Amino acid sequence: MFSFQDKVVLITGGSRGLGRAMSIGFAQAGAKVVIASRKIETCEALQKEISAAGGDALAVAAHMGNCEDLDHLIAATYEHYGRVDVLINNAAINIATRPLTEMNPEAFDKMYEVNLRGPWYLASRVAPRMAEQGGGAVINVLSVAGLKPPANMGFYASTKAGLEAMNKVMAQEWAPMKIRVNALALGTYHSDLVDTTIEQMPEYEQYMLGANLIKRLAESEEILHPIFYLAGESYTTGITLVADGGMLCK
């Protein structure tokens, strides 16, 4: 249903896990993909893989918590491709899975810089340029933790709840610019973040599966169905699409 031929899709956290699946999927669908993450080595490795398969990709190192890195990411993207049609704020961290009484301000600052400030800054700097080209789409990747916050994930859940609020404001402010803004709230997809959280909190996997109607973790590639919808559908904006295996239905 959706064609991304020659569209430029910028994906943060695009070299591993869900971001990797998105980068490969959009490239296979004809898009020109900008792969952004902290480590240039992983970005370049995926770029070569996509190019070898006949796709078109650009690798750029950028830390979501560093606004100068994001300025460089924008400049490199526009220098190489000249436009951004779809921006996917996918990169996030969860470095503190403990009770709030055991948290420290340093972890708070790092998580808010990457998970909330970074997506706001990147999208807000790309949006005016999207408007100049006639519009585009922004997708903010959330987590069901932001909609139904679990114990021991207070910092992470609050950053994602904040990003959902930001998503609604972006949609309202940028609709006149012909920019659609939507969020995707994910449940238990295999990703670096989820798998690391399970390693740190083995009980987390059982908690998530027990809360799901579908009793399994989704594969990374299953992210393509909802993400393609939000990137390609032309009359949807300001929503949070939930893809969580039925967790919020229980």
C-alpha atoms as a PDB file:
ATOM      1  CA  MET A   1       0.000   0.000   0.000  1.00  0.00           C
ATOM      2  CA  PHE A   2       2.818   2.409   0.812  1.00  0.00           C
ATOM      3  CA  SER A   3       5.641   3.395  -1.527  1.00  0.00           C
ATOM      4  CA  PHE A   4       8.858   4.877  -0.163  1.00  0.00           C
ATOM      5  CA  GLN A   5      10.671   4.976  -3.482  1.00  0.00           C
ATOM      6  CA  ASP A   6      13.286   7.759  -3.355  1.00  0.00           C
ATOM      7  CA  LYS A   7      11.978   9.046  -0.007  1.00  0.00           C
ATOM      8  CA  VAL A   8      14.684  10.024   2.495  1.00  0.00           C
ATOM      9  CA  VAL A   9      14.170   8.363   5.874  1.00  0.00           C
ATOM     10  CA  LEU A  10      16.341   9.421   8.819  1.00  0.00           C
ATOM     11  CA  ILE A  11      16.414   6.831  11.633  1.00  0.00           C
ATOM     12  CA  THR A  12      18.141   7.470  14.966  1.00  0.00           C
ATOM     13  CA  GLY A  13      19.426   4.386  16.713  1.00  0.00           C
ATOM     14  CA  GLY A  14      19.273   2.965  13.205  1.00  0.00           C
ATOM     15  CA  SER A  15      22.158   0.502  13.278  1.00  0.00           C
ATOM     16  CA  ARG A  16      21.001  -2.091  15.811  1.00  0.00           C
ATOM     17  CA  GLY A  17      17.876  -3.852  17.049  1.00  0.00           C
ATOM     18  CA  LEU A  18      14.613  -2.278  15.954  1.00  0.00           C
ATOM     19  CA  GLY A  19      16.443   0.551  14.233  1.00  0.00           C
ATOM     20  CA  ARG A  20      18.401  -1.921  12.125  1.00  0.00           C
ATOM     21  CA  ALA A  21      15.178  -3.654  11.110  1.00  0.00           C
ATOM     22  CA  MET A  22      13.706  -0.278  10.137  1.00  0.00           C
ATOM     23  CA  SER A  23      16.792   0.728   8.141  1.00  0.00           C
ATOM     24  CA  ILE A  24      16.816  -2.516   6.165  1.00  0.00           C
ATOM     25  CA  GLY A  25      13.041  -2.494   5.696  1.00  0.00           C
ATOM     26  CA  PHE A  26      12.839   1.059   4.375  1.00  0.00           C
ATOM     27  CA  ALA A  27      15.829   0.459   2.080  1.00  0.00           C
ATOM     28  CA  GLN A  28      14.115  -2.629   0.654  1.00  0.00           C
ATOM     29  CA  ALA A  29      11.009  -0.494   0.103  1.00  0.00           C
ATOM     30  CA  GLY A  30      13.010   1.908  -2.052  1.00  0.00           C
ATOM     31  CA  ALA A  31      13.872   4.622   0.459  1.00  0.00           C
ATOM     32  CA  LYS A  32      17.188   6.369   0.894  1.00  0.00           C
ATOM     33  CA  VAL A  33      18.090   5.681   4.511  1.00  0.00           C
ATOM     34  CA  VAL A  34      20.168   7.750   6.920  1.00  0.00           C
ATOM     35  CA  ILE A  35      21.516   5.437   9.621  1.00  0.00           C
ATOM     36  CA  ALA A  36      22.393   7.390  12.754  1.00  0.00           C
ATOM     37  CA  SER A  37      23.749   6.097  16.053  1.00  0.00           C
ATOM     38  CA  ARG A  38      26.628   6.692  18.449  1.00  0.00           C
ATOM     39  CA  LYS A  39      29.108   4.265  16.885  1.00  0.00           C
ATOM     40  CA  ILE A  40      30.075   5.010  13.309  1.00  0.00           C
ATOM     41  CA  GLU A  41      31.438   1.469  12.906  1.00  0.00           C
ATOM     42  CA  THR A  42      28.034  -0.149  13.289  1.00  0.00           C
ATOM     43  CA  CYS A  43      26.424   2.467  11.055  1.00  0.00           C
ATOM     44  CA  GLU A  44      28.985   1.930   8.303  1.00  0.00           C
ATOM     45  CA  ALA A  45      28.691  -1.859   8.561  1.00  0.00           C
ATOM     46  CA  LEU A  46      24.943  -1.650   7.998  1.00  0.00           C
ATOM     47  CA  GLN A  47      25.408   0.913   5.229  1.00  0.00           C
ATOM     48  CA  LYS A  48      27.661  -1.536   3.380  1.00  0.00           C
ATOM     49  CA  GLU A  49      25.145  -4.334   3.898  1.00  0.00           C
ATOM     50  CA  ILE A  50      22.320  -2.224   2.467  1.00  0.00           C
ATOM     51  CA  SER A  51      24.453  -1.023  -0.439  1.00  0.00           C
ATOM     52  CA  ALA A  52      25.501  -4.593  -1.261  1.00  0.00           C
ATOM     53  CA  ALA A  53      21.821  -5.507  -1.517  1.00  0.00           C
ATOM     54  CA  GLY A  54      21.210  -2.662  -3.981  1.00  0.00           C
ATOM     55  CA  GLY A  55      19.958  -0.077  -1.497  1.00  0.00           C
ATOM     56  CA  ASP A  56      20.998   3.507  -0.808  1.00  0.00           C
ATOM     57  CA  ALA A  57      22.153   4.501   2.690  1.00  0.00           C
ATOM     58  CA  LEU A  58      24.232   7.088   4.522  1.00  0.00           C
ATOM     59  CA  ALA A  59      26.009   6.406   7.830  1.00  0.00           C
ATOM     60  CA  VAL A  60      26.353   9.256  10.341  1.00  0.00           C
ATOM     61  CA  ALA A  61      27.602   9.097  13.928  1.00  0.00           C
ATOM     62  CA  ALA A  62      25.396  11.066  16.316  1.00  0.00           C
ATOM     63  CA  HIS A  63      24.666  10.915  20.044  1.00  0.00           C
ATOM     64  CA  MET A  64      21.059  11.867  20.801  1.00  0.00           C
ATOM     65  CA  GLY A  65      22.150  13.543  24.015  1.00  0.00           C
ATOM     66  CA  ASN A  66      24.500  15.924  22.183  1.00  0.00           C
ATOM     67  CA  CYS A  67      22.846  18.772  20.296  1.00  0.00           C
ATOM     68  CA  GLU A  68      26.024  19.520  18.332  1.00  0.00           C
ATOM     69  CA  ASP A  69      26.003  15.926  17.070  1.00  0.00           C
ATOM     70  CA  LEU A  70      22.398  16.376  15.980  1.00  0.00           C
ATOM     71  CA  ASP A  71      23.264  19.584  14.134  1.00  0.00           C
ATOM     72  CA  HIS A  72      25.987  17.639  12.330  1.00  0.00           C
ATOM     73  CA  LEU A  73      23.521  14.832  11.533  1.00  0.00           C
ATOM     74  CA  ILE A  74      21.096  17.301   9.969  1.00  0.00           C
ATOM     75  CA  ALA A  75      23.846  19.036   7.981  1.00  0.00           C
ATOM     76  CA  ALA A  76      25.278  15.743   6.699  1.00  0.00           C
ATOM     77  CA  THR A  77      21.843  14.474   5.684  1.00  0.00           C
ATOM     78  CA  TYR A  78      20.885  17.598   3.759  1.00  0.00           C
ATOM     79  CA  GLU A  79      24.310  17.851   2.153  1.00  0.00           C
ATOM     80  CA  HIS A  80      24.069  14.258   0.919  1.00  0.00           C
ATOM     81  CA  TYR A  81      20.368  13.882   0.066  1.00  0.00           C
ATOM     82  CA  GLY A  82      18.993  17.425   0.146  1.00  0.00           C
ATOM     83  CA  ARG A  83      15.839  16.582   2.099  1.00  0.00           C
ATOM     84  CA  VAL A  84      14.208  14.498   4.856  1.00  0.00           C
ATOM     85  CA  ASP A  85      10.796  12.993   4.180  1.00  0.00           C
ATOM     86  CA  VAL A  86      10.466  10.833   7.290  1.00  0.00           C
ATOM     87  CA  LEU A  87      12.222  11.326  10.635  1.00  0.00           C
ATOM     88  CA  ILE A  88      12.048   8.441  13.106  1.00  0.00           C
ATOM     89  CA  ASN A  89      13.118   9.271  16.665  1.00  0.00           C
ATOM     90  CA  ASN A  90      13.978   5.708  17.679  1.00  0.00           C
ATOM     91  CA  ALA A  91      17.152   6.018  19.777  1.00  0.00           C
ATOM     92  CA  ALA A  92      16.692   5.676  23.542  1.00  0.00           C
ATOM     93  CA  ILE A  93      18.496   4.437  26.641  1.00  0.00           C
ATOM     94  CA  ASN A  94      17.453   2.815  29.895  1.00  0.00           C
ATOM     95  CA  ILE A  95      20.483   2.875  32.162  1.00  0.00           C
ATOM     96  CA  ALA A  96      18.659   2.737  35.493  1.00  0.00           C
ATOM     97  CA  THR A  97      16.185  -0.023  36.375  1.00  0.00           C
ATOM     98  CA  ARG A  98      15.926   0.405  40.125  1.00  0.00           C
ATOM     99  CA  PRO A  99      13.549   1.888  42.701  1.00  0.00           C
ATOM    100  CA  LEU A 100      13.319   5.677  42.644  1.00  0.00           C
ATOM    101  CA  THR A 101      14.943   5.865  46.083  1.00  0.00           C
ATOM    102  CA  GLU A 102      18.103   4.344  44.596  1.00  0.00           C
ATOM    103  CA  MET A 103      18.329   6.620  41.543  1.00  0.00           C
ATOM    104  CA  ASN A 104      20.806   9.462  41.122  1.00  0.00           C
ATOM    105  CA  PRO A 105      20.625  12.826  39.320  1.00  0.00           C
ATOM    106  CA  GLU A 106      23.286  11.821  36.791  1.00  0.00           C
ATOM    107  CA  ALA A 107      21.135   8.957  35.473  1.00  0.00           C
ATOM    108  CA  PHE A 108      18.113  11.272  35.372  1.00  0.00           C
ATOM    109  CA  ASP A 109      19.973  13.859  33.290  1.00  0.00           C
ATOM    110  CA  LYS A 110      21.416  11.305  30.834  1.00  0.00           C
ATOM    111  CA  MET A 111      18.094   9.599  30.210  1.00  0.00           C
ATOM    112  CA  TYR A 112      16.197  12.851  29.707  1.00  0.00           C
ATOM    113  CA  GLU A 113      18.878  14.200  27.380  1.00  0.00           C
ATOM    114  CA  VAL A 114      18.718  11.140  25.106  1.00  0.00           C
ATOM    115  CA  ASN A 115      15.077  10.093  25.407  1.00  0.00           C
ATOM    116  CA  LEU A 116      13.295  13.454  25.463  1.00  0.00           C
ATOM    117  CA  ARG A 117      15.521  16.448  24.759  1.00  0.00           C
ATOM    118  CA  GLY A 118      17.208  14.775  21.797  1.00  0.00           C
ATOM    119  CA  PRO A 119      13.995  13.853  19.944  1.00  0.00           C
ATOM    120  CA  TRP A 120      12.581  17.331  20.550  1.00  0.00           C
ATOM    121  CA  TYR A 121      15.743  19.059  19.347  1.00  0.00           C
ATOM    122  CA  LEU A 122      16.233  16.939  16.236  1.00  0.00           C
ATOM    123  CA  ALA A 123      12.596  17.102  15.127  1.00  0.00           C
ATOM    124  CA  SER A 124      12.252  20.817  15.840  1.00  0.00           C
ATOM    125  CA  ARG A 125      15.302  21.608  13.701  1.00  0.00           C
ATOM    126  CA  VAL A 126      14.253  19.345  10.837  1.00  0.00           C
ATOM    127  CA  ALA A 127      10.588  20.468  10.793  1.00  0.00           C
ATOM    128  CA  PRO A 128      11.116  23.951   9.236  1.00  0.00           C
ATOM    129  CA  ARG A 129      13.155  22.402   6.439  1.00  0.00           C
ATOM    130  CA  MET A 130      10.488  19.733   5.917  1.00  0.00           C
ATOM    131  CA  ALA A 131       7.956  22.545   5.586  1.00  0.00           C
ATOM    132  CA  GLU A 132      10.066  24.216   2.894  1.00  0.00           C
ATOM    133  CA  GLN A 133       9.978  21.012   0.819  1.00  0.00           C
ATOM    134  CA  GLY A 134       6.193  20.660   1.206  1.00  0.00           C
ATOM    135  CA  GLY A 135       5.854  18.558   4.340  1.00  0.00           C
ATOM    136  CA  GLY A 136       6.843  15.198   5.762  1.00  0.00           C
ATOM    137  CA  ALA A 137       6.349  12.825   8.668  1.00  0.00           C
ATOM    138  CA  VAL A 138       7.833  12.520  12.154  1.00  0.00           C
ATOM    139  CA  ILE A 139       7.503   9.323  14.188  1.00  0.00           C
ATOM    140  CA  ASN A 140       8.418   9.248  17.874  1.00  0.00           C
ATOM    141  CA  VAL A 141       9.048   5.743  19.174  1.00  0.00           C
ATOM    142  CA  LEU A 142       7.634   5.289  22.677  1.00  0.00           C
ATOM    143  CA  SER A 143       7.124   2.314  24.952  1.00  0.00           C
ATOM    144  CA  VAL A 144       4.058   0.957  26.691  1.00  0.00           C
ATOM    145  CA  ALA A 145       6.056   1.734  29.836  1.00  0.00           C
ATOM    146  CA  GLY A 146       5.207   5.379  29.160  1.00  0.00           C
ATOM    147  CA  LEU A 147       1.488   4.552  29.074  1.00  0.00           C
ATOM    148  CA  LYS A 148       1.434   2.033  31.924  1.00  0.00           C
ATOM    149  CA  PRO A 149       4.543   2.749  34.036  1.00  0.00           C
ATOM    150  CA  PRO A 150       5.954  -0.272  35.892  1.00  0.00           C
ATOM    151  CA  ALA A 151       7.872  -0.206  39.171  1.00  0.00           C
ATOM    152  CA  ASN A 152      11.657   0.137  38.919  1.00  0.00           C
ATOM    153  CA  MET A 153      11.445   1.927  35.555  1.00  0.00           C
ATOM    154  CA  GLY A 154      10.446   5.386  36.755  1.00  0.00           C
ATOM    155  CA  PHE A 155      13.017   7.397  34.809  1.00  0.00           C
ATOM    156  CA  TYR A 156      12.522   5.513  31.546  1.00  0.00           C
ATOM    157  CA  ALA A 157       8.738   5.504  31.786  1.00  0.00           C
ATOM    158  CA  SER A 158       8.605   9.230  32.546  1.00  0.00           C
ATOM    159  CA  THR A 159      10.814  10.095  29.555  1.00  0.00           C
ATOM    160  CA  LYS A 160       8.493   8.153  27.266  1.00  0.00           C
ATOM    161  CA  ALA A 161       5.396   9.716  28.830  1.00  0.00           C
ATOM    162  CA  GLY A 162       6.998  13.111  28.245  1.00  0.00           C
ATOM    163  CA  LEU A 163       7.729  12.220  24.627  1.00  0.00           C
ATOM    164  CA  GLU A 164       4.084  11.279  24.092  1.00  0.00           C
ATOM    165  CA  ALA A 165       3.062  14.723  25.349  1.00  0.00           C
ATOM    166  CA  MET A 166       5.665  16.327  23.095  1.00  0.00           C
ATOM    167  CA  ASN A 167       4.328  14.259  20.198  1.00  0.00           C
ATOM    168  CA  LYS A 168       0.855  15.776  20.612  1.00  0.00           C
ATOM    169  CA  VAL A 169       2.240  19.301  20.721  1.00  0.00           C
ATOM    170  CA  MET A 170       4.392  18.702  17.631  1.00  0.00           C
ATOM    171  CA  ALA A 171       1.353  17.415  15.742  1.00  0.00           C
ATOM    172  CA  GLN A 172      -0.685  20.515  16.610  1.00  0.00           C
ATOM    173  CA  GLU A 173       2.048  23.024  15.886  1.00  0.00           C
ATOM    174  CA  TRP A 174       3.279  21.451  12.662  1.00  0.00           C
ATOM    175  CA  ALA A 175       0.022  20.448  10.978  1.00  0.00           C
ATOM    176  CA  PRO A 176      -0.108  23.833   9.181  1.00  0.00           C
ATOM    177  CA  MET A 177       3.372  22.973   7.849  1.00  0.00           C
ATOM    178  CA  LYS A 178       1.962  19.738   6.319  1.00  0.00           C
ATOM    179  CA  ILE A 179       3.990  17.638   8.741  1.00  0.00           C
ATOM    180  CA  ARG A 180       2.273  14.639  10.283  1.00  0.00           C
ATOM    181  CA  VAL A 181       3.542  13.636  13.732  1.00  0.00           C
ATOM    182  CA  ASN A 182       2.664  10.327  15.354  1.00  0.00           C
ATOM    183  CA  ALA A 183       3.993   8.081  18.090  1.00  0.00           C
ATOM    184  CA  LEU A 184       4.443   4.321  18.191  1.00  0.00           C
ATOM    185  CA  ALA A 185       4.223   2.712  21.637  1.00  0.00           C
ATOM    186  CA  LEU A 186       5.925  -0.670  21.625  1.00  0.00           C
ATOM    187  CA  GLY A 187       5.640  -3.636  23.938  1.00  0.00           C
ATOM    188  CA  THR A 188       7.946  -6.634  24.043  1.00  0.00           C
ATOM    189  CA  TYR A 189       9.880  -6.482  20.782  1.00  0.00           C
ATOM    190  CA  HIS A 190      13.333  -8.020  20.668  1.00  0.00           C
ATOM    191  CA  SER A 191      15.718  -5.059  20.762  1.00  0.00           C
ATOM    192  CA  ASP A 192      18.940  -4.070  22.469  1.00  0.00           C
ATOM    193  CA  LEU A 193      16.973  -2.071  25.020  1.00  0.00           C
ATOM    194  CA  VAL A 194      14.427  -4.771  25.867  1.00  0.00           C
ATOM    195  CA  ASP A 195      16.984  -7.582  25.861  1.00  0.00           C
ATOM    196  CA  THR A 196      19.320  -5.586  28.111  1.00  0.00           C
ATOM    197  CA  THR A 197      16.462  -4.784  30.477  1.00  0.00           C
ATOM    198  CA  ILE A 198      15.614  -8.486  30.683  1.00  0.00           C
ATOM    199  CA  GLU A 199      19.255  -9.246  31.507  1.00  0.00           C
ATOM    200  CA  GLN A 200      19.187  -6.683  34.303  1.00  0.00           C
ATOM    201  CA  MET A 201      15.721  -7.657  35.505  1.00  0.00           C
ATOM    202  CA  PRO A 202      14.994 -11.329  34.615  1.00  0.00           C
ATOM    203  CA  GLU A 203      11.527 -10.982  36.094  1.00  0.00           C
ATOM    204  CA  TYR A 204      10.713  -8.254  33.540  1.00  0.00           C
ATOM    205  CA  GLU A 205      10.223 -10.750  30.697  1.00  0.00           C
ATOM    206  CA  GLN A 206       7.774 -12.824  32.686  1.00  0.00           C
ATOM    207  CA  TYR A 207       5.976  -9.675  33.799  1.00  0.00           C
ATOM    208  CA  MET A 208       5.577  -8.524  30.201  1.00  0.00           C
ATOM    209  CA  LEU A 209       4.498 -11.919  28.883  1.00  0.00           C
ATOM    210  CA  GLY A 210       2.072 -12.336  31.749  1.00  0.00           C
ATOM    211  CA  ALA A 211       0.538  -8.977  30.882  1.00  0.00           C
ATOM    212  CA  ASN A 212       0.242  -9.761  27.153  1.00  0.00           C
ATOM    213  CA  LEU A 213      -2.606 -11.397  25.309  1.00  0.00           C
ATOM    214  CA  ILE A 214      -0.050 -12.702  22.778  1.00  0.00           C
ATOM    215  CA  LYS A 215       2.381 -14.800  24.819  1.00  0.00           C
ATOM    216  CA  ARG A 216       5.657 -14.085  23.058  1.00  0.00           C
ATOM    217  CA  LEU A 217       8.181 -11.378  22.337  1.00  0.00           C
ATOM    218  CA  ALA A 218       7.821  -9.894  18.859  1.00  0.00           C
ATOM    219  CA  GLU A 219      10.684 -10.208  16.404  1.00  0.00           C
ATOM    220  CA  SER A 220      12.480  -7.006  15.416  1.00  0.00           C
ATOM    221  CA  GLU A 221      11.233  -7.221  11.824  1.00  0.00           C
ATOM    222  CA  GLU A 222       7.604  -7.048  12.968  1.00  0.00           C
ATOM    223  CA  ILE A 223       8.188  -3.353  13.654  1.00  0.00           C
ATOM    224  CA  LEU A 224       7.843  -2.697   9.919  1.00  0.00           C
ATOM    225  CA  HIS A 225       4.060  -3.124   9.774  1.00  0.00           C
ATOM    226  CA  PRO A 226       3.152  -0.282  12.181  1.00  0.00           C
ATOM    227  CA  ILE A 227       6.103   1.933  11.259  1.00  0.00           C
ATOM    228  CA  PHE A 228       5.278   1.750   7.535  1.00  0.00           C
ATOM    229  CA  TYR A 229       1.694   2.707   8.315  1.00  0.00           C
ATOM    230  CA  LEU A 230       2.690   5.808  10.263  1.00  0.00           C
ATOM    231  CA  ALA A 231       5.298   6.790   7.674  1.00  0.00           C
ATOM    232  CA  GLY A 232       3.048   6.312   4.667  1.00  0.00           C
ATOM    233  CA  GLU A 233      -0.556   7.005   5.687  1.00  0.00           C
ATOM    234  CA  SER A 234      -1.560  10.534   4.719  1.00  0.00           C
ATOM    235  CA  TYR A 235      -4.513  11.358   7.012  1.00  0.00           C
ATOM    236  CA  THR A 236      -3.269  10.270  10.445  1.00  0.00           C
ATOM    237  CA  THR A 237      -1.580  12.671  12.830  1.00  0.00           C
ATOM    238  CA  GLY A 238      -1.333  13.274  16.558  1.00  0.00           C
ATOM    239  CA  ILE A 239      -1.966   9.649  17.576  1.00  0.00           C
ATOM    240  CA  THR A 240      -0.104   7.044  19.590  1.00  0.00           C
ATOM    241  CA  LEU A 241      -0.355   3.704  17.824  1.00  0.00           C
ATOM    242  CA  VAL A 242       0.093   0.829  20.291  1.00  0.00           C
ATOM    243  CA  ALA A 243       1.786  -2.390  19.151  1.00  0.00           C
ATOM    244  CA  ASP A 244       2.210  -4.341  22.368  1.00  0.00           C
ATOM    245  CA  GLY A 245       0.773  -7.826  21.942  1.00  0.00           C
ATOM    246  CA  GLY A 246      -2.359  -6.817  23.804  1.00  0.00           C
ATOM    247  CA  MET A 247      -0.679  -5.701  27.021  1.00  0.00           C
ATOM    248  CA  LEU A 248      -2.819  -2.624  27.568  1.00  0.00           C
ATOM    249  CA  CYS A 249      -5.982  -4.644  26.970  1.00  0.00           C
ATOM    250  CA  LYS A 250      -5.494  -6.634  30.172  1.00  0.00           C
END
